[in-house]
Amino acid sequence: SFRVGAVVGLSTWLPAAESLAPVSVEQQTTPVWLGHGCLDSIVPLMAHERAKTSLRQLGVKQLTSRSYAMAHSILPEELEDVRLWIGSL
């Protein structure tokens, strides 16, 4: 078996979180980074907030979250934040 080094989610959500099993002890410390646009009309910011809550309830312990003044898109600032975060791991 192998361990995932990190997870990055951009403008995404966590569907059917209630049907997911809690993460294993080994996976609890897998770093997770979530970025989302405050002006996203495709995946509303509330979906991002629910994903954060669900991931914490599932046992994720290293969760970083950022929101940006953007729609359902990506900004250089967001990419730079992801780059810096990955570099800090």
PDB file of N, CA and C in Angstrom:
ATOM      1  N   SER A   1       0.840  -1.181   0.000  1.00  0.00           N
ATOM      2  CA  SER A   1       0.000   0.000   0.000  1.00  0.00           C
ATOM      3  C   SER A   1       0.882   1.240   0.000  1.00  0.00           C
ATOM      4  N   PHE A   2       0.284   2.375  -0.329  1.00  0.00           N
ATOM      5  CA  PHE A   2       1.029   3.620  -0.357  1.00  0.00           C
ATOM      6  C   PHE A   2       0.198   4.711   0.294  1.00  0.00           C
ATOM      7  N   ARG A   3       0.874   5.770   0.656  1.00  0.00           N
ATOM      8  CA  ARG A   3       0.213   6.907   1.289  1.00  0.00           C
ATOM      9  C   ARG A   3       0.258   8.091   0.342  1.00  0.00           C
ATOM     10  N   VAL A   4      -0.859   8.747   0.161  1.00  0.00           N
ATOM     11  CA  VAL A   4      -0.925   9.956  -0.651  1.00  0.00           C
ATOM     12  C   VAL A   4      -0.152  11.050   0.082  1.00  0.00           C
ATOM     13  N   GLY A   5       0.676  11.786  -0.661  1.00  0.00           N
ATOM     14  CA  GLY A   5       1.502  12.815  -0.048  1.00  0.00           C
ATOM     15  C   GLY A   5       0.735  14.066   0.337  1.00  0.00           C
ATOM     16  N   ALA A   6      -0.253  14.453  -0.470  1.00  0.00           N
ATOM     17  CA  ALA A   6      -1.048  15.654  -0.207  1.00  0.00           C
ATOM     18  C   ALA A   6      -2.223  15.674  -1.183  1.00  0.00           C
ATOM     19  N   VAL A   7      -3.220  16.484  -0.856  1.00  0.00           N
ATOM     20  CA  VAL A   7      -4.400  16.641  -1.705  1.00  0.00           C
ATOM     21  C   VAL A   7      -4.662  18.129  -1.896  1.00  0.00           C
ATOM     22  N   VAL A   8      -4.899  18.541  -3.138  1.00  0.00           N
ATOM     23  CA  VAL A   8      -5.251  19.928  -3.453  1.00  0.00           C
ATOM     24  C   VAL A   8      -6.609  19.914  -4.140  1.00  0.00           C
ATOM     25  N   GLY A   9      -7.530  20.718  -3.642  1.00  0.00           N
ATOM     26  CA  GLY A   9      -8.844  20.869  -4.255  1.00  0.00           C
ATOM     27  C   GLY A   9      -9.079  22.325  -4.618  1.00  0.00           C
ATOM     28  N   LEU A  10      -9.377  22.579  -5.881  1.00  0.00           N
ATOM     29  CA  LEU A  10      -9.618  23.942  -6.348  1.00  0.00           C
ATOM     30  C   LEU A  10     -11.059  24.066  -6.829  1.00  0.00           C
ATOM     31  N   SER A  11     -11.802  24.992  -6.253  1.00  0.00           N
ATOM     32  CA  SER A  11     -13.192  25.255  -6.653  1.00  0.00           C
ATOM     33  C   SER A  11     -14.004  23.959  -6.722  1.00  0.00           C
ATOM     34  N   THR A  12     -13.954  23.187  -5.674  1.00  0.00           N
ATOM     35  CA  THR A  12     -14.580  21.873  -5.689  1.00  0.00           C
ATOM     36  C   THR A  12     -15.492  21.675  -4.486  1.00  0.00           C
ATOM     37  N   TRP A  13     -16.115  20.528  -4.431  1.00  0.00           N
ATOM     38  CA  TRP A  13     -16.992  20.173  -3.324  1.00  0.00           C
ATOM     39  C   TRP A  13     -16.778  18.707  -3.007  1.00  0.00           C
ATOM     40  N   LEU A  14     -17.422  18.224  -1.953  1.00  0.00           N
ATOM     41  CA  LEU A  14     -17.284  16.834  -1.522  1.00  0.00           C
ATOM     42  C   LEU A  14     -18.670  16.205  -1.539  1.00  0.00           C
ATOM     43  N   PRO A  15     -19.046  15.613  -2.676  1.00  0.00           N
ATOM     44  CA  PRO A  15     -20.388  15.030  -2.768  1.00  0.00           C
ATOM     45  C   PRO A  15     -20.504  13.765  -1.924  1.00  0.00           C
ATOM     46  N   ALA A  16     -21.699  13.511  -1.421  1.00  0.00           N
ATOM     47  CA  ALA A  16     -22.017  12.294  -0.658  1.00  0.00           C
ATOM     48  C   ALA A  16     -21.060  12.068   0.506  1.00  0.00           C
ATOM     49  N   ALA A  17     -20.646  13.126   1.169  1.00  0.00           N
ATOM     50  CA  ALA A  17     -19.709  13.003   2.288  1.00  0.00           C
ATOM     51  C   ALA A  17     -20.248  12.101   3.386  1.00  0.00           C
ATOM     52  N   GLU A  18     -21.566  12.099   3.556  1.00  0.00           N
ATOM     53  CA  GLU A  18     -22.166  11.281   4.620  1.00  0.00           C
ATOM     54  C   GLU A  18     -21.993   9.786   4.366  1.00  0.00           C
ATOM     55  N   SER A  19     -21.689   9.393   3.154  1.00  0.00           N
ATOM     56  CA  SER A  19     -21.510   7.972   2.849  1.00  0.00           C
ATOM     57  C   SER A  19     -20.036   7.553   2.886  1.00  0.00           C
ATOM     58  N   LEU A  20     -19.131   8.483   3.156  1.00  0.00           N
ATOM     59  CA  LEU A  20     -17.707   8.167   3.199  1.00  0.00           C
ATOM     60  C   LEU A  20     -17.304   7.639   4.574  1.00  0.00           C
ATOM     61  N   ALA A  21     -16.375   6.724   4.575  1.00  0.00           N
ATOM     62  CA  ALA A  21     -15.845   6.194   5.830  1.00  0.00           C
ATOM     63  C   ALA A  21     -14.807   7.161   6.384  1.00  0.00           C
ATOM     64  N   PRO A  22     -14.654   7.218   7.689  1.00  0.00           N
ATOM     65  CA  PRO A  22     -13.600   8.056   8.255  1.00  0.00           C
ATOM     66  C   PRO A  22     -12.237   7.644   7.687  1.00  0.00           C
ATOM     67  N   VAL A  23     -11.340   8.606   7.597  1.00  0.00           N
ATOM     68  CA  VAL A  23     -10.016   8.301   7.067  1.00  0.00           C
ATOM     69  C   VAL A  23      -9.244   7.467   8.079  1.00  0.00           C
ATOM     70  N   SER A  24      -8.318   6.669   7.579  1.00  0.00           N
ATOM     71  CA  SER A  24      -7.506   5.819   8.451  1.00  0.00           C
ATOM     72  C   SER A  24      -6.559   6.683   9.280  1.00  0.00           C
ATOM     73  N   VAL A  25      -5.995   6.086  10.303  1.00  0.00           N
ATOM     74  CA  VAL A  25      -5.042   6.802  11.150  1.00  0.00           C
ATOM     75  C   VAL A  25      -3.882   7.323  10.303  1.00  0.00           C
ATOM     76  N   GLU A  26      -3.419   6.509   9.362  1.00  0.00           N
ATOM     77  CA  GLU A  26      -2.318   6.922   8.495  1.00  0.00           C
ATOM     78  C   GLU A  26      -2.694   8.110   7.620  1.00  0.00           C
ATOM     79  N   GLN A  27      -3.941   8.164   7.185  1.00  0.00           N
ATOM     80  CA  GLN A  27      -4.391   9.232   6.293  1.00  0.00           C
ATOM     81  C   GLN A  27      -4.771  10.517   7.027  1.00  0.00           C
ATOM     82  N   GLN A  28      -4.956  10.442   8.326  1.00  0.00           N
ATOM     83  CA  GLN A  28      -5.395  11.622   9.075  1.00  0.00           C
ATOM     84  C   GLN A  28      -4.422  12.787   8.963  1.00  0.00           C
ATOM     85  N   THR A  29      -3.148  12.491   8.776  1.00  0.00           N
ATOM     86  CA  THR A  29      -2.151  13.562   8.704  1.00  0.00           C
ATOM     87  C   THR A  29      -1.783  13.930   7.265  1.00  0.00           C
ATOM     88  N   THR A  30      -2.507  13.399   6.286  1.00  0.00           N
ATOM     89  CA  THR A  30      -2.280  13.810   4.903  1.00  0.00           C
ATOM     90  C   THR A  30      -2.707  15.270   4.760  1.00  0.00           C
ATOM     91  N   PRO A  31      -1.807  16.146   4.344  1.00  0.00           N
ATOM     92  CA  PRO A  31      -2.172  17.555   4.191  1.00  0.00           C
ATOM     93  C   PRO A  31      -3.192  17.747   3.059  1.00  0.00           C
ATOM     94  N   VAL A  32      -4.193  18.576   3.335  1.00  0.00           N
ATOM     95  CA  VAL A  32      -5.234  18.898   2.354  1.00  0.00           C
ATOM     96  C   VAL A  32      -5.305  20.418   2.231  1.00  0.00           C
ATOM     97  N   TRP A  33      -5.307  20.899   0.997  1.00  0.00           N
ATOM     98  CA  TRP A  33      -5.422  22.331   0.721  1.00  0.00           C
ATOM     99  C   TRP A  33      -6.641  22.545  -0.159  1.00  0.00           C
ATOM    100  N   LEU A  34      -7.535  23.441   0.267  1.00  0.00           N
ATOM    101  CA  LEU A  34      -8.741  23.762  -0.500  1.00  0.00           C
ATOM    102  C   LEU A  34      -8.752  25.258  -0.814  1.00  0.00           C
ATOM    103  N   GLY A  35      -8.986  25.585  -2.076  1.00  0.00           N
ATOM    104  CA  GLY A  35      -9.121  26.972  -2.493  1.00  0.00           C
ATOM    105  C   GLY A  35     -10.447  27.159  -3.215  1.00  0.00           C
ATOM    106  N   HIS A  36     -11.064  28.330  -3.021  1.00  0.00           N
ATOM    107  CA  HIS A  36     -12.383  28.554  -3.614  1.00  0.00           C
ATOM    108  C   HIS A  36     -12.634  30.039  -3.826  1.00  0.00           C
ATOM    109  N   GLY A  37     -13.418  30.340  -4.835  1.00  0.00           N
ATOM    110  CA  GLY A  37     -13.793  31.720  -5.125  1.00  0.00           C
ATOM    111  C   GLY A  37     -15.054  32.135  -4.384  1.00  0.00           C
ATOM    112  N   CYS A  38     -14.998  33.285  -3.754  1.00  0.00           N
ATOM    113  CA  CYS A  38     -16.171  33.820  -3.032  1.00  0.00           C
ATOM    114  C   CYS A  38     -17.309  34.162  -3.984  1.00  0.00           C
ATOM    115  N   LEU A  39     -16.997  34.372  -5.258  1.00  0.00           N
ATOM    116  CA  LEU A  39     -17.994  34.782  -6.244  1.00  0.00           C
ATOM    117  C   LEU A  39     -18.368  33.635  -7.187  1.00  0.00           C
ATOM    118  N   ASP A  40     -18.062  32.410  -6.794  1.00  0.00           N
ATOM    119  CA  ASP A  40     -18.300  31.240  -7.639  1.00  0.00           C
ATOM    120  C   ASP A  40     -19.795  30.945  -7.722  1.00  0.00           C
ATOM    121  N   SER A  41     -20.361  31.028  -8.925  1.00  0.00           N
ATOM    122  CA  SER A  41     -21.787  30.728  -9.118  1.00  0.00           C
ATOM    123  C   SER A  41     -22.000  29.288  -9.593  1.00  0.00           C
ATOM    124  N   ILE A  42     -20.926  28.575  -9.917  1.00  0.00           N
ATOM    125  CA  ILE A  42     -21.009  27.174 -10.351  1.00  0.00           C
ATOM    126  C   ILE A  42     -20.991  26.254  -9.128  1.00  0.00           C
ATOM    127  N   VAL A  43     -19.994  26.432  -8.278  1.00  0.00           N
ATOM    128  CA  VAL A  43     -19.884  25.696  -7.012  1.00  0.00           C
ATOM    129  C   VAL A  43     -19.862  26.759  -5.911  1.00  0.00           C
ATOM    130  N   PRO A  44     -21.005  27.002  -5.283  1.00  0.00           N
ATOM    131  CA  PRO A  44     -21.091  28.078  -4.288  1.00  0.00           C
ATOM    132  C   PRO A  44     -20.108  27.893  -3.129  1.00  0.00           C
ATOM    133  N   LEU A  45     -19.713  28.995  -2.537  1.00  0.00           N
ATOM    134  CA  LEU A  45     -18.786  28.974  -1.407  1.00  0.00           C
ATOM    135  C   LEU A  45     -19.309  28.078  -0.283  1.00  0.00           C
ATOM    136  N   MET A  46     -20.613  27.986  -0.111  1.00  0.00           N
ATOM    137  CA  MET A  46     -21.174  27.134   0.942  1.00  0.00           C
ATOM    138  C   MET A  46     -20.770  25.670   0.738  1.00  0.00           C
ATOM    139  N   ALA A  47     -20.632  25.232  -0.515  1.00  0.00           N
ATOM    140  CA  ALA A  47     -20.184  23.860  -0.792  1.00  0.00           C
ATOM    141  C   ALA A  47     -18.753  23.659  -0.301  1.00  0.00           C
ATOM    142  N   HIS A  48     -17.938  24.665  -0.446  1.00  0.00           N
ATOM    143  CA  HIS A  48     -16.559  24.644   0.060  1.00  0.00           C
ATOM    144  C   HIS A  48     -16.574  24.534   1.586  1.00  0.00           C
ATOM    145  N   GLU A  49     -17.418  25.321   2.220  1.00  0.00           N
ATOM    146  CA  GLU A  49     -17.519  25.293   3.685  1.00  0.00           C
ATOM    147  C   GLU A  49     -17.997  23.917   4.171  1.00  0.00           C
ATOM    148  N   ARG A  50     -18.979  23.339   3.482  1.00  0.00           N
ATOM    149  CA  ARG A  50     -19.457  21.997   3.855  1.00  0.00           C
ATOM    150  C   ARG A  50     -18.360  20.957   3.670  1.00  0.00           C
ATOM    151  N   ALA A  51     -17.578  21.079   2.604  1.00  0.00           N
ATOM    152  CA  ALA A  51     -16.474  20.143   2.369  1.00  0.00           C
ATOM    153  C   ALA A  51     -15.456  20.216   3.511  1.00  0.00           C
ATOM    154  N   LYS A  52     -15.119  21.419   3.945  1.00  0.00           N
ATOM    155  CA  LYS A  52     -14.186  21.575   5.066  1.00  0.00           C
ATOM    156  C   LYS A  52     -14.724  20.887   6.317  1.00  0.00           C
ATOM    157  N   THR A  53     -15.981  21.147   6.628  1.00  0.00           N
ATOM    158  CA  THR A  53     -16.599  20.535   7.808  1.00  0.00           C
ATOM    159  C   THR A  53     -16.604  19.019   7.697  1.00  0.00           C
ATOM    160  N   SER A  54     -16.982  18.513   6.539  1.00  0.00           N
ATOM    161  CA  SER A  54     -17.041  17.061   6.332  1.00  0.00           C
ATOM    162  C   SER A  54     -15.663  16.427   6.455  1.00  0.00           C
ATOM    163  N   LEU A  55     -14.654  17.041   5.865  1.00  0.00           N
ATOM    164  CA  LEU A  55     -13.300  16.489   5.940  1.00  0.00           C
ATOM    165  C   LEU A  55     -12.812  16.432   7.380  1.00  0.00           C
ATOM    166  N   ARG A  56     -13.102  17.468   8.133  1.00  0.00           N
ATOM    167  CA  ARG A  56     -12.711  17.460   9.556  1.00  0.00           C
ATOM    168  C   ARG A  56     -13.455  16.361  10.311  1.00  0.00           C
ATOM    169  N   GLN A  57     -14.743  16.202  10.031  1.00  0.00           N
ATOM    170  CA  GLN A  57     -15.523  15.149  10.683  1.00  0.00           C
ATOM    171  C   GLN A  57     -15.027  13.762  10.294  1.00  0.00           C
ATOM    172  N   LEU A  58     -14.491  13.623   9.089  1.00  0.00           N
ATOM    173  CA  LEU A  58     -13.958  12.338   8.630  1.00  0.00           C
ATOM    174  C   LEU A  58     -12.578  12.042   9.214  1.00  0.00           C
ATOM    175  N   GLY A  59     -11.982  13.031   9.870  1.00  0.00           N
ATOM    176  CA  GLY A  59     -10.715  12.802  10.555  1.00  0.00           C
ATOM    177  C   GLY A  59      -9.505  13.498   9.981  1.00  0.00           C
ATOM    178  N   VAL A  60      -9.681  14.318   8.942  1.00  0.00           N
ATOM    179  CA  VAL A  60      -8.549  15.044   8.365  1.00  0.00           C
ATOM    180  C   VAL A  60      -8.067  16.075   9.383  1.00  0.00           C
ATOM    181  N   LYS A  61      -6.788  16.026   9.699  1.00  0.00           N
ATOM    182  CA  LYS A  61      -6.244  16.900  10.737  1.00  0.00           C
ATOM    183  C   LYS A  61      -5.441  18.078  10.187  1.00  0.00           C
ATOM    184  N   GLN A  62      -4.924  17.960   8.963  1.00  0.00           N
ATOM    185  CA  GLN A  62      -4.112  19.027   8.369  1.00  0.00           C
ATOM    186  C   GLN A  62      -4.848  19.619   7.176  1.00  0.00           C
ATOM    187  N   LEU A  63      -5.762  20.524   7.458  1.00  0.00           N
ATOM    188  CA  LEU A  63      -6.604  21.122   6.421  1.00  0.00           C
ATOM    189  C   LEU A  63      -6.331  22.618   6.341  1.00  0.00           C
ATOM    190  N   THR A  64      -5.931  23.062   5.160  1.00  0.00           N
ATOM    191  CA  THR A  64      -5.716  24.479   4.895  1.00  0.00           C
ATOM    192  C   THR A  64      -6.766  24.922   3.892  1.00  0.00           C
ATOM    193  N   SER A  65      -7.360  26.078   4.133  1.00  0.00           N
ATOM    194  CA  SER A  65      -8.427  26.575   3.273  1.00  0.00           C
ATOM    195  C   SER A  65      -8.204  28.054   2.984  1.00  0.00           C
ATOM    196  N   ARG A  66      -8.405  28.417   1.733  1.00  0.00           N
ATOM    197  CA  ARG A  66      -8.298  29.819   1.321  1.00  0.00           C
ATOM    198  C   ARG A  66      -9.462  30.157   0.394  1.00  0.00           C
ATOM    199  N   SER A  67      -9.943  31.369   0.500  1.00  0.00           N
ATOM    200  CA  SER A  67     -10.956  31.844  -0.444  1.00  0.00           C
ATOM    201  C   SER A  67     -10.427  33.108  -1.107  1.00  0.00           C
ATOM    202  N   TYR A  68     -10.914  33.347  -2.315  1.00  0.00           N
ATOM    203  CA  TYR A  68     -10.407  34.430  -3.145  1.00  0.00           C
ATOM    204  C   TYR A  68     -11.569  35.198  -3.773  1.00  0.00           C
ATOM    205  N   ALA A  69     -11.331  36.457  -4.097  1.00  0.00           N
ATOM    206  CA  ALA A  69     -12.332  37.284  -4.761  1.00  0.00           C
ATOM    207  C   ALA A  69     -12.335  36.939  -6.249  1.00  0.00           C
ATOM    208  N   MET A  70     -12.928  35.794  -6.568  1.00  0.00           N
ATOM    209  CA  MET A  70     -12.995  35.335  -7.958  1.00  0.00           C
ATOM    210  C   MET A  70     -14.235  34.474  -8.137  1.00  0.00           C
ATOM    211  N   ALA A  71     -14.585  34.247  -9.393  1.00  0.00           N
ATOM    212  CA  ALA A  71     -15.688  33.355  -9.729  1.00  0.00           C
ATOM    213  C   ALA A  71     -15.140  31.926  -9.809  1.00  0.00           C
ATOM    214  N   HIS A  72     -15.776  31.077 -10.605  1.00  0.00           N
ATOM    215  CA  HIS A  72     -15.326  29.692 -10.780  1.00  0.00           C
ATOM    216  C   HIS A  72     -14.156  29.699 -11.758  1.00  0.00           C
ATOM    217  N   SER A  73     -13.001  30.040 -11.229  1.00  0.00           N
ATOM    218  CA  SER A  73     -11.812  30.200 -12.058  1.00  0.00           C
ATOM    219  C   SER A  73     -10.584  29.978 -11.188  1.00  0.00           C
ATOM    220  N   ILE A  74      -9.471  30.478 -11.651  1.00  0.00           N
ATOM    221  CA  ILE A  74      -8.227  30.352 -10.899  1.00  0.00           C
ATOM    222  C   ILE A  74      -7.451  31.647 -11.058  1.00  0.00           C
ATOM    223  N   LEU A  75      -6.776  32.048 -10.018  1.00  0.00           N
ATOM    224  CA  LEU A  75      -5.984  33.273 -10.040  1.00  0.00           C
ATOM    225  C   LEU A  75      -4.512  32.939  -9.833  1.00  0.00           C
ATOM    226  N   PRO A  76      -3.605  33.748 -10.361  1.00  0.00           N
ATOM    227  CA  PRO A  76      -2.187  33.539 -10.083  1.00  0.00           C
ATOM    228  C   PRO A  76      -1.899  33.505  -8.574  1.00  0.00           C
ATOM    229  N   GLU A  77      -2.608  34.322  -7.807  1.00  0.00           N
ATOM    230  CA  GLU A  77      -2.435  34.343  -6.346  1.00  0.00           C
ATOM    231  C   GLU A  77      -2.757  32.978  -5.734  1.00  0.00           C
ATOM    232  N   GLU A  78      -3.818  32.348  -6.218  1.00  0.00           N
ATOM    233  CA  GLU A  78      -4.192  31.031  -5.707  1.00  0.00           C
ATOM    234  C   GLU A  78      -3.116  30.000  -6.044  1.00  0.00           C
ATOM    235  N   LEU A  79      -2.635  30.020  -7.286  1.00  0.00           N
ATOM    236  CA  LEU A  79      -1.572  29.094  -7.686  1.00  0.00           C
ATOM    237  C   LEU A  79      -0.300  29.317  -6.867  1.00  0.00           C
ATOM    238  N   GLU A  80       0.016  30.557  -6.594  1.00  0.00           N
ATOM    239  CA  GLU A  80       1.188  30.859  -5.776  1.00  0.00           C
ATOM    240  C   GLU A  80       0.997  30.336  -4.352  1.00  0.00           C
ATOM    241  N   ASP A  81      -0.198  30.498  -3.812  1.00  0.00           N
ATOM    242  CA  ASP A  81      -0.485  29.961  -2.470  1.00  0.00           C
ATOM    243  C   ASP A  81      -0.323  28.437  -2.442  1.00  0.00           C
ATOM    244  N   VAL A  82      -0.810  27.764  -3.475  1.00  0.00           N
ATOM    245  CA  VAL A  82      -0.648  26.306  -3.556  1.00  0.00           C
ATOM    246  C   VAL A  82       0.842  25.952  -3.653  1.00  0.00           C
ATOM    247  N   ARG A  83       1.571  26.669  -4.498  1.00  0.00           N
ATOM    248  CA  ARG A  83       3.003  26.412  -4.642  1.00  0.00           C
ATOM    249  C   ARG A  83       3.746  26.568  -3.318  1.00  0.00           C
ATOM    250  N   LEU A  84       3.467  27.641  -2.609  1.00  0.00           N
ATOM    251  CA  LEU A  84       4.111  27.871  -1.319  1.00  0.00           C
ATOM    252  C   LEU A  84       3.728  26.794  -0.306  1.00  0.00           C
ATOM    253  N   TRP A  85       2.457  26.397  -0.321  1.00  0.00           N
ATOM    254  CA  TRP A  85       1.983  25.369   0.602  1.00  0.00           C
ATOM    255  C   TRP A  85       2.696  24.043   0.323  1.00  0.00           C
ATOM    256  N   ILE A  86       2.757  23.655  -0.941  1.00  0.00           N
ATOM    257  CA  ILE A  86       3.449  22.405  -1.293  1.00  0.00           C
ATOM    258  C   ILE A  86       4.927  22.499  -0.890  1.00  0.00           C
ATOM    259  N   GLY A  87       5.526  23.628  -1.117  1.00  0.00           N
ATOM    260  CA  GLY A  87       6.934  23.807  -0.736  1.00  0.00           C
ATOM    261  C   GLY A  87       7.177  23.733   0.752  1.00  0.00           C
ATOM    262  N   SER A  88       6.143  23.984   1.539  1.00  0.00           N
ATOM    263  CA  SER A  88       6.288  23.945   2.998  1.00  0.00           C
ATOM    264  C   SER A  88       6.110  22.546   3.569  1.00  0.00           C
ATOM    265  N   LEU A  89       5.688  21.603   2.738  1.00  0.00           N
ATOM    266  CA  LEU A  89       5.435  20.244   3.237  1.00  0.00           C
ATOM    267  C   LEU A  89       6.723  19.460   3.429  1.00  0.00           C
TER     268      LEU A  89
END
